[in-house]
N, C-alpha and C. Protein backbone atom coordinates (compact mmCIF):
# COMPACT_ATOMS: atom_id res chain seq x y z
N MET A 1 96.92 74.49 65.29
CA MET A 1 96.40 75.78 65.00
C MET A 1 97.47 76.85 65.01
N ASN A 2 98.32 76.74 65.96
CA ASN A 2 99.40 77.71 66.01
C ASN A 2 100.25 77.65 64.76
N ARG A 3 100.38 76.45 64.23
CA ARG A 3 101.20 76.29 63.06
C ARG A 3 100.58 77.04 61.88
N ARG A 4 99.31 76.92 61.68
CA ARG A 4 98.64 77.61 60.58
C ARG A 4 98.70 79.12 60.76
N THR A 5 98.50 79.60 61.98
CA THR A 5 98.50 81.03 62.24
C THR A 5 99.87 81.62 61.92
N ILE A 6 100.94 80.92 62.35
CA ILE A 6 102.30 81.40 62.09
C ILE A 6 102.58 81.37 60.60
N SER A 7 102.23 80.26 59.93
CA SER A 7 102.53 80.16 58.50
C SER A 7 101.69 81.14 57.68
N SER A 8 100.48 81.46 58.15
CA SER A 8 99.68 82.40 57.39
C SER A 8 100.17 83.84 57.58
N ARG A 9 100.94 84.07 58.63
CA ARG A 9 101.49 85.42 58.85
C ARG A 9 102.71 85.68 57.98
N LYS A 10 103.45 84.66 57.60
CA LYS A 10 104.68 84.83 56.82
C LYS A 10 104.42 85.56 55.51
N PRO A 11 103.39 85.21 54.75
CA PRO A 11 103.17 85.95 53.51
C PRO A 11 102.83 87.42 53.78
N ALA A 12 102.12 87.69 54.88
CA ALA A 12 101.78 89.07 55.20
C ALA A 12 103.03 89.87 55.55
N ARG A 13 103.92 89.25 56.31
CA ARG A 13 105.18 89.91 56.66
C ARG A 13 106.02 90.15 55.42
N ARG A 14 106.05 89.18 54.53
CA ARG A 14 106.81 89.32 53.30
C ARG A 14 106.25 90.47 52.46
N ALA A 15 104.96 90.57 52.43
CA ALA A 15 104.32 91.62 51.63
C ALA A 15 104.65 93.01 52.19
N VAL A 16 104.63 93.11 53.52
CA VAL A 16 104.97 94.39 54.14
C VAL A 16 106.42 94.74 53.88
N ALA A 17 107.33 93.78 54.03
CA ALA A 17 108.75 94.02 53.78
C ALA A 17 108.98 94.41 52.34
N LEU A 18 108.30 93.73 51.41
CA LEU A 18 108.44 94.04 50.00
C LEU A 18 107.94 95.45 49.70
N ALA A 19 106.82 95.82 50.30
CA ALA A 19 106.27 97.17 50.07
C ALA A 19 107.22 98.24 50.59
N LEU A 20 107.79 98.00 51.77
CA LEU A 20 108.75 98.96 52.33
C LEU A 20 109.99 99.06 51.45
N GLY A 21 110.46 97.93 50.95
CA GLY A 21 111.62 97.92 50.06
C GLY A 21 111.36 98.70 48.79
N ILE A 22 110.19 98.50 48.19
CA ILE A 22 109.83 99.21 46.97
C ILE A 22 109.73 100.72 47.25
N ALA A 23 109.14 101.07 48.38
CA ALA A 23 109.02 102.49 48.73
C ALA A 23 110.40 103.12 48.89
N ALA A 24 111.32 102.39 49.51
CA ALA A 24 112.67 102.94 49.71
C ALA A 24 113.39 103.09 48.39
N VAL A 25 113.27 102.10 47.49
CA VAL A 25 113.96 102.14 46.21
C VAL A 25 113.43 103.29 45.35
N THR A 26 112.14 103.53 45.39
CA THR A 26 111.60 104.64 44.59
C THR A 26 111.85 105.99 45.24
N ALA A 27 111.95 106.01 46.55
CA ALA A 27 112.15 107.29 47.24
C ALA A 27 113.57 107.80 47.08
N LEU A 28 114.55 106.92 47.05
CA LEU A 28 115.95 107.35 46.96
C LEU A 28 116.21 108.21 45.73
N PRO A 29 115.87 107.76 44.51
CA PRO A 29 116.15 108.61 43.35
C PRO A 29 115.35 109.91 43.34
N LEU A 30 114.24 109.93 44.03
CA LEU A 30 113.41 111.13 44.05
C LEU A 30 113.85 112.11 45.12
N GLY A 31 114.81 111.72 45.93
CA GLY A 31 115.29 112.61 46.99
C GLY A 31 114.31 112.72 48.14
N LEU A 32 113.55 111.71 48.41
CA LEU A 32 112.53 111.76 49.46
C LEU A 32 113.03 111.12 50.75
N THR A 33 114.32 111.07 50.94
CA THR A 33 114.85 110.44 52.15
C THR A 33 114.94 111.44 53.28
N ALA A 34 114.99 110.92 54.47
CA ALA A 34 115.20 111.78 55.64
C ALA A 34 116.65 112.22 55.64
N SER A 35 116.88 113.42 56.03
CA SER A 35 118.23 113.96 56.00
C SER A 35 118.77 114.20 57.39
N ALA A 36 120.04 113.90 57.59
CA ALA A 36 120.71 114.18 58.85
C ALA A 36 121.45 115.51 58.78
N GLU A 37 121.32 116.20 57.69
CA GLU A 37 121.99 117.47 57.49
C GLU A 37 121.35 118.54 58.38
N ALA A 38 122.19 119.35 58.98
CA ALA A 38 121.68 120.42 59.83
C ALA A 38 121.08 121.51 58.97
N THR A 39 119.96 122.01 59.39
CA THR A 39 119.34 123.12 58.69
C THR A 39 119.34 124.32 59.61
N PRO A 40 119.42 125.50 59.05
CA PRO A 40 119.44 126.68 59.92
C PRO A 40 118.17 126.75 60.76
N ALA A 41 118.36 126.85 62.03
CA ALA A 41 117.23 126.96 62.94
C ALA A 41 116.86 128.43 63.10
N LYS A 42 115.67 128.66 63.54
CA LYS A 42 115.28 130.02 63.85
C LYS A 42 116.14 130.49 65.01
N PRO A 43 116.58 131.73 65.00
CA PRO A 43 117.40 132.20 66.12
C PRO A 43 116.65 132.02 67.43
N ALA A 44 117.31 131.39 68.36
CA ALA A 44 116.70 131.18 69.67
C ALA A 44 116.63 132.50 70.42
N ALA A 45 115.58 132.66 71.13
CA ALA A 45 115.48 133.86 71.97
C ALA A 45 116.60 133.79 72.99
N SER A 46 117.29 134.89 73.18
CA SER A 46 118.40 134.87 74.12
C SER A 46 117.88 134.62 75.53
N ALA A 47 118.66 133.87 76.25
CA ALA A 47 118.28 133.56 77.63
C ALA A 47 118.41 134.81 78.48
N PRO A 48 117.58 134.95 79.46
CA PRO A 48 117.69 136.11 80.35
C PRO A 48 119.06 136.12 81.02
N ARG A 49 119.63 137.31 81.14
CA ARG A 49 120.92 137.45 81.82
C ARG A 49 120.70 137.46 83.31
N THR A 50 121.67 136.93 84.00
CA THR A 50 121.62 136.91 85.46
C THR A 50 122.90 137.54 86.00
N VAL A 51 122.75 138.43 86.94
CA VAL A 51 123.89 139.02 87.62
C VAL A 51 123.68 138.75 89.10
N THR A 52 124.69 138.16 89.72
CA THR A 52 124.57 137.87 91.14
C THR A 52 125.62 138.63 91.91
N GLY A 53 125.39 138.77 93.18
CA GLY A 53 126.35 139.46 94.02
C GLY A 53 125.99 139.28 95.47
N SER A 54 126.87 139.77 96.30
CA SER A 54 126.66 139.68 97.73
C SER A 54 127.32 140.90 98.38
N PRO A 55 126.63 141.54 99.32
CA PRO A 55 127.24 142.71 99.95
C PRO A 55 128.49 142.38 100.75
N SER A 56 128.69 141.11 101.07
CA SER A 56 129.88 140.74 101.83
C SER A 56 131.06 140.38 100.91
N ASP A 57 130.83 140.36 99.61
CA ASP A 57 131.87 139.98 98.66
C ASP A 57 132.50 141.24 98.06
N ASN A 58 133.81 141.41 98.27
CA ASN A 58 134.49 142.62 97.80
C ASN A 58 134.50 142.76 96.28
N VAL A 59 134.60 141.67 95.57
CA VAL A 59 134.60 141.77 94.11
C VAL A 59 133.26 142.32 93.64
N THR A 60 132.18 141.83 94.23
CA THR A 60 130.85 142.36 93.91
C THR A 60 130.76 143.83 94.26
N ARG A 61 131.28 144.20 95.41
CA ARG A 61 131.20 145.60 95.84
C ARG A 61 131.97 146.53 94.90
N ILE A 62 133.13 146.09 94.45
CA ILE A 62 133.90 146.91 93.51
C ILE A 62 133.17 147.01 92.17
N ALA A 63 132.61 145.89 91.71
CA ALA A 63 131.83 145.92 90.46
C ALA A 63 130.62 146.83 90.61
N ASP A 64 129.94 146.75 91.75
CA ASP A 64 128.80 147.63 92.00
C ASP A 64 129.23 149.10 92.00
N PHE A 65 130.35 149.38 92.66
CA PHE A 65 130.84 150.75 92.72
C PHE A 65 131.13 151.28 91.32
N TYR A 66 131.90 150.52 90.53
CA TYR A 66 132.24 150.99 89.19
C TYR A 66 131.01 151.13 88.31
N GLY A 67 130.08 150.19 88.41
CA GLY A 67 128.85 150.29 87.62
C GLY A 67 128.06 151.53 87.97
N ALA A 68 127.85 151.75 89.26
CA ALA A 68 127.07 152.92 89.70
C ALA A 68 127.82 154.22 89.40
N TYR A 69 129.14 154.22 89.60
CA TYR A 69 129.93 155.43 89.37
C TYR A 69 129.92 155.82 87.89
N ILE A 70 130.10 154.83 87.02
CA ILE A 70 130.08 155.11 85.58
C ILE A 70 128.68 155.55 85.15
N ASP A 71 127.65 154.92 85.71
CA ASP A 71 126.28 155.37 85.41
C ASP A 71 126.09 156.83 85.84
N ALA A 72 126.56 157.14 87.03
CA ALA A 72 126.41 158.51 87.54
C ALA A 72 127.18 159.49 86.66
N GLN A 73 128.40 159.15 86.30
CA GLN A 73 129.22 160.05 85.49
C GLN A 73 128.67 160.18 84.07
N SER A 74 127.93 159.21 83.61
CA SER A 74 127.33 159.26 82.27
C SER A 74 126.07 160.12 82.25
N GLY A 75 125.52 160.39 83.43
CA GLY A 75 124.28 161.14 83.52
C GLY A 75 124.51 162.64 83.45
N PRO A 76 123.44 163.37 83.68
CA PRO A 76 123.55 164.84 83.63
C PRO A 76 124.49 165.38 84.71
N ALA A 77 125.14 166.45 84.41
CA ALA A 77 126.05 167.16 85.33
C ALA A 77 127.21 166.28 85.79
N ASP A 78 127.64 165.36 84.93
CA ASP A 78 128.79 164.50 85.23
C ASP A 78 128.69 163.82 86.59
N GLY A 79 127.54 163.35 86.95
CA GLY A 79 127.38 162.59 88.18
C GLY A 79 127.10 163.43 89.39
N GLY A 80 127.66 164.62 89.43
CA GLY A 80 127.42 165.55 90.53
C GLY A 80 127.41 164.92 91.91
N LYS A 81 126.31 165.12 92.60
CA LYS A 81 126.17 164.69 93.99
C LYS A 81 126.25 163.17 94.14
N LEU A 82 125.65 162.42 93.20
CA LEU A 82 125.67 160.96 93.31
C LEU A 82 127.09 160.42 93.23
N ALA A 83 127.88 160.89 92.28
CA ALA A 83 129.28 160.43 92.16
C ALA A 83 130.06 160.75 93.44
N ALA A 84 129.85 161.92 93.99
CA ALA A 84 130.54 162.31 95.22
C ALA A 84 130.13 161.41 96.38
N GLU A 85 128.85 161.10 96.48
CA GLU A 85 128.38 160.23 97.57
C GLU A 85 128.89 158.81 97.40
N LEU A 86 128.95 158.32 96.18
CA LEU A 86 129.49 156.98 95.94
C LEU A 86 130.96 156.92 96.36
N ARG A 87 131.71 157.94 96.03
CA ARG A 87 133.13 157.99 96.41
C ARG A 87 133.27 157.97 97.93
N LYS A 88 132.44 158.77 98.62
CA LYS A 88 132.51 158.80 100.10
C LYS A 88 132.15 157.44 100.71
N TYR A 89 131.19 156.77 100.11
CA TYR A 89 130.71 155.51 100.66
C TYR A 89 131.72 154.37 100.44
N TYR A 90 132.29 154.28 99.24
CA TYR A 90 133.13 153.13 98.89
C TYR A 90 134.63 153.34 99.14
N ILE A 91 135.10 154.56 99.11
CA ILE A 91 136.55 154.81 99.18
C ILE A 91 136.95 155.20 100.59
N HIS A 92 138.00 154.58 101.11
CA HIS A 92 138.51 154.87 102.44
C HIS A 92 138.87 156.36 102.51
N PRO A 93 138.51 157.05 103.61
CA PRO A 93 138.75 158.50 103.71
C PRO A 93 140.21 158.91 103.47
N ALA A 94 141.16 158.14 103.99
CA ALA A 94 142.57 158.49 103.79
C ALA A 94 142.95 158.39 102.31
N TYR A 95 142.43 157.36 101.63
CA TYR A 95 142.74 157.23 100.21
C TYR A 95 141.99 158.26 99.37
N LEU A 96 140.81 158.63 99.80
CA LEU A 96 140.05 159.64 99.07
C LEU A 96 140.83 160.95 98.99
N LYS A 97 141.54 161.31 100.06
CA LYS A 97 142.37 162.52 100.04
C LYS A 97 143.48 162.39 98.99
N LYS A 98 144.10 161.22 98.91
CA LYS A 98 145.15 160.99 97.91
C LYS A 98 144.57 161.04 96.50
N LEU A 99 143.36 160.51 96.35
CA LEU A 99 142.69 160.50 95.05
C LEU A 99 142.39 161.93 94.58
N VAL A 100 141.92 162.75 95.48
CA VAL A 100 141.62 164.16 95.15
C VAL A 100 142.92 164.88 94.74
N ALA A 101 144.02 164.61 95.44
CA ALA A 101 145.31 165.21 95.09
C ALA A 101 145.76 164.74 93.71
N TRP A 102 145.58 163.46 93.42
CA TRP A 102 145.94 162.92 92.10
C TRP A 102 145.13 163.62 91.02
N GLU A 103 143.84 163.82 91.27
CA GLU A 103 142.96 164.48 90.29
C GLU A 103 143.40 165.92 90.02
N ALA A 104 143.77 166.63 91.07
CA ALA A 104 144.21 168.02 90.90
C ALA A 104 145.49 168.08 90.06
N LYS A 105 146.38 167.16 90.30
CA LYS A 105 147.65 167.12 89.57
C LYS A 105 147.47 166.70 88.12
N ASN A 106 146.58 165.73 87.87
CA ASN A 106 146.43 165.13 86.54
C ASN A 106 145.23 165.64 85.73
N HIS A 107 144.41 166.48 86.33
CA HIS A 107 143.23 167.04 85.65
C HIS A 107 142.37 165.94 85.01
N ALA A 108 142.13 164.90 85.80
CA ALA A 108 141.32 163.77 85.33
C ALA A 108 140.59 163.16 86.52
N ASP A 109 139.60 162.34 86.24
CA ASP A 109 138.85 161.64 87.27
C ASP A 109 139.74 160.52 87.82
N GLY A 110 139.98 160.52 89.10
CA GLY A 110 140.87 159.53 89.71
C GLY A 110 140.32 158.13 89.76
N VAL A 111 139.01 157.97 89.81
CA VAL A 111 138.40 156.64 89.82
C VAL A 111 138.55 155.98 88.46
N LEU A 112 138.36 156.77 87.41
CA LEU A 112 138.44 156.25 86.05
C LEU A 112 139.81 156.45 85.42
N ARG A 113 140.63 157.30 86.04
CA ARG A 113 141.95 157.67 85.51
C ARG A 113 141.83 158.22 84.10
N ALA A 114 140.80 159.04 83.90
CA ALA A 114 140.55 159.59 82.57
C ALA A 114 139.72 160.87 82.68
N GLN A 115 139.61 161.58 81.57
CA GLN A 115 138.80 162.79 81.53
C GLN A 115 137.39 162.53 81.02
N ASN A 116 137.15 161.36 80.48
CA ASN A 116 135.81 161.04 80.00
C ASN A 116 135.34 159.72 80.61
N VAL A 117 134.20 159.22 80.16
CA VAL A 117 133.55 158.07 80.78
C VAL A 117 133.58 156.88 79.82
N PRO A 118 133.98 155.70 80.30
CA PRO A 118 134.02 154.52 79.42
C PRO A 118 132.62 154.04 79.04
N VAL A 119 132.56 153.27 77.96
CA VAL A 119 131.28 152.71 77.52
C VAL A 119 131.02 151.32 78.09
N ARG A 120 132.07 150.69 78.63
CA ARG A 120 131.93 149.34 79.18
C ARG A 120 133.04 149.10 80.18
N TRP A 121 132.81 148.20 81.12
CA TRP A 121 133.81 147.85 82.11
C TRP A 121 133.70 146.39 82.48
N THR A 122 134.83 145.82 82.89
CA THR A 122 134.89 144.43 83.33
C THR A 122 135.68 144.40 84.62
N VAL A 123 135.21 143.63 85.58
CA VAL A 123 135.89 143.48 86.88
C VAL A 123 136.31 142.03 87.02
N THR A 124 137.60 141.81 87.32
CA THR A 124 138.14 140.46 87.44
C THR A 124 138.90 140.31 88.75
N ASP A 125 138.58 139.29 89.52
CA ASP A 125 139.26 139.02 90.79
C ASP A 125 140.71 138.61 90.53
N ASN A 126 141.64 139.27 91.19
CA ASN A 126 143.05 138.91 91.06
C ASN A 126 143.51 137.97 92.17
N GLY A 127 142.64 137.69 93.14
CA GLY A 127 142.91 136.67 94.15
C GLY A 127 144.02 136.98 95.14
N THR A 128 143.79 137.84 96.08
CA THR A 128 144.75 138.10 97.15
C THR A 128 144.16 137.65 98.48
N ALA A 129 144.99 137.56 99.50
CA ALA A 129 144.55 136.99 100.77
C ALA A 129 144.12 138.03 101.82
N ASP A 130 144.98 138.99 102.11
CA ASP A 130 144.71 139.94 103.20
C ASP A 130 143.75 141.05 102.81
N TYR A 131 143.58 141.27 101.54
CA TYR A 131 142.70 142.30 101.02
C TYR A 131 142.25 141.79 99.65
N THR A 132 141.36 142.50 99.01
CA THR A 132 140.90 142.09 97.69
C THR A 132 141.54 142.98 96.64
N GLU A 133 142.08 142.35 95.63
CA GLU A 133 142.65 143.08 94.50
C GLU A 133 141.92 142.61 93.25
N VAL A 134 141.37 143.56 92.50
CA VAL A 134 140.70 143.21 91.25
C VAL A 134 141.29 144.02 90.11
N GLY A 135 141.20 143.43 88.94
CA GLY A 135 141.57 144.15 87.72
C GLY A 135 140.31 144.74 87.11
N ILE A 136 140.41 145.98 86.69
CA ILE A 136 139.30 146.67 86.03
C ILE A 136 139.74 146.95 84.61
N THR A 137 138.94 146.54 83.64
CA THR A 137 139.21 146.89 82.26
C THR A 137 138.12 147.85 81.82
N LEU A 138 138.51 149.05 81.47
CA LEU A 138 137.58 150.07 81.00
C LEU A 138 137.71 150.15 79.48
N THR A 139 136.58 150.14 78.79
CA THR A 139 136.58 150.20 77.33
C THR A 139 136.05 151.56 76.89
N TRP A 140 136.79 152.17 76.00
CA TRP A 140 136.47 153.51 75.49
C TRP A 140 136.17 153.38 74.00
N GLY A 141 135.04 153.90 73.56
CA GLY A 141 134.67 153.84 72.15
C GLY A 141 134.15 152.47 71.77
N SER A 142 133.93 152.28 70.46
CA SER A 142 133.40 151.00 70.00
C SER A 142 133.98 150.66 68.64
N GLY A 143 133.76 149.44 68.22
CA GLY A 143 134.23 148.99 66.92
C GLY A 143 135.74 148.95 66.83
N SER A 144 136.25 149.28 65.64
CA SER A 144 137.69 149.18 65.41
C SER A 144 138.48 150.27 66.13
N THR A 145 137.81 151.29 66.62
CA THR A 145 138.51 152.38 67.31
C THR A 145 138.47 152.23 68.83
N ALA A 146 137.88 151.15 69.33
CA ALA A 146 137.78 150.95 70.78
C ALA A 146 139.17 150.75 71.39
N THR A 147 139.38 151.34 72.55
CA THR A 147 140.62 151.16 73.29
C THR A 147 140.26 150.76 74.72
N THR A 148 141.22 150.21 75.43
CA THR A 148 140.98 149.81 76.81
C THR A 148 142.05 150.37 77.73
N THR A 149 141.67 150.52 78.97
CA THR A 149 142.58 150.90 80.05
C THR A 149 142.44 149.85 81.13
N LYS A 150 143.55 149.42 81.67
CA LYS A 150 143.51 148.43 82.74
C LYS A 150 143.96 149.09 84.04
N LEU A 151 143.14 148.92 85.07
CA LEU A 151 143.44 149.45 86.40
C LEU A 151 143.43 148.31 87.41
N VAL A 152 144.04 148.56 88.54
CA VAL A 152 144.00 147.63 89.66
C VAL A 152 143.36 148.38 90.82
N VAL A 153 142.38 147.74 91.46
CA VAL A 153 141.69 148.34 92.60
C VAL A 153 141.85 147.39 93.79
N ASP A 154 142.27 147.96 94.91
CA ASP A 154 142.43 147.18 96.15
C ASP A 154 141.38 147.62 97.15
N MET A 155 140.82 146.62 97.87
CA MET A 155 139.79 146.90 98.87
C MET A 155 140.10 146.13 100.14
N THR A 156 139.91 146.80 101.27
CA THR A 156 140.15 146.17 102.57
C THR A 156 139.03 145.18 102.89
N ARG A 157 139.26 144.39 103.92
CA ARG A 157 138.24 143.43 104.35
C ARG A 157 136.98 144.12 104.87
N ASP A 158 137.11 145.37 105.29
CA ASP A 158 135.92 146.10 105.75
C ASP A 158 135.28 146.90 104.61
N HIS A 159 135.57 146.49 103.36
CA HIS A 159 134.88 146.96 102.17
C HIS A 159 135.16 148.42 101.79
N ARG A 160 136.38 148.87 101.98
CA ARG A 160 136.73 150.24 101.58
C ARG A 160 137.88 150.18 100.57
N ILE A 161 137.75 150.93 99.49
CA ILE A 161 138.79 150.98 98.46
C ILE A 161 139.98 151.76 99.01
N ILE A 162 141.19 151.16 98.88
CA ILE A 162 142.40 151.78 99.40
C ILE A 162 143.43 152.07 98.31
N ASN A 163 143.11 151.69 97.08
CA ASN A 163 144.04 151.96 95.99
C ASN A 163 143.32 151.82 94.65
N ILE A 164 143.61 152.75 93.75
CA ILE A 164 143.18 152.66 92.35
C ILE A 164 144.40 153.10 91.54
N GLY A 165 144.86 152.25 90.66
CA GLY A 165 146.03 152.62 89.85
C GLY A 165 146.37 151.57 88.83
N THR A 166 147.54 151.70 88.23
CA THR A 166 147.96 150.72 87.26
C THR A 166 148.62 149.52 87.93
N LYS A 167 148.98 149.67 89.20
CA LYS A 167 149.51 148.58 90.01
C LYS A 167 148.77 148.53 91.32
N GLY A 168 148.65 147.33 91.86
CA GLY A 168 148.02 147.17 93.16
C GLY A 168 148.98 147.49 94.29
N ILE A 169 148.50 147.48 95.51
CA ILE A 169 149.39 147.77 96.64
C ILE A 169 150.43 146.69 96.82
N GLY A 170 150.20 145.53 96.26
CA GLY A 170 151.18 144.45 96.31
C GLY A 170 152.21 144.55 95.20
N GLY A 171 152.12 145.58 94.38
CA GLY A 171 153.11 145.80 93.32
C GLY A 171 152.77 145.12 92.00
N LYS A 172 151.64 144.44 91.91
CA LYS A 172 151.27 143.75 90.66
C LYS A 172 150.81 144.74 89.62
């Protein structure tokens, strides 16, 4: 019985294979084949952005300071009281006196080293041991006319800014 069942299946298998072969032969000239070609996909919704930080991390604190300070300076009355309070909170008192003297001499904002407010900023850890040194890139304008200024900001282990300039306290 098994012999008959197996032999009776062979013609059915042959018929299925033949039908598939005929379908493939007729589909090829008609362009009905599956394609491995990439097609433009619908633009994916952008993933939510995540910003992390820690109050014990100096790089985060400097980024927070610059973000809040630039926001304050971009607001009404050039930041007024908020900018002053941020400076008192983040900048070491001895350095704040030097910063005010620099501003009087240069007629510019000592935190930004400019007379106006940037449209974007980037904070990058420069990796020092006894204190934190970060590079700040401030972007002014947009498009082909955009320019950047690079600053170095140093912060003590007790989270106070002790230097803002083109070089860090280590001379970098």
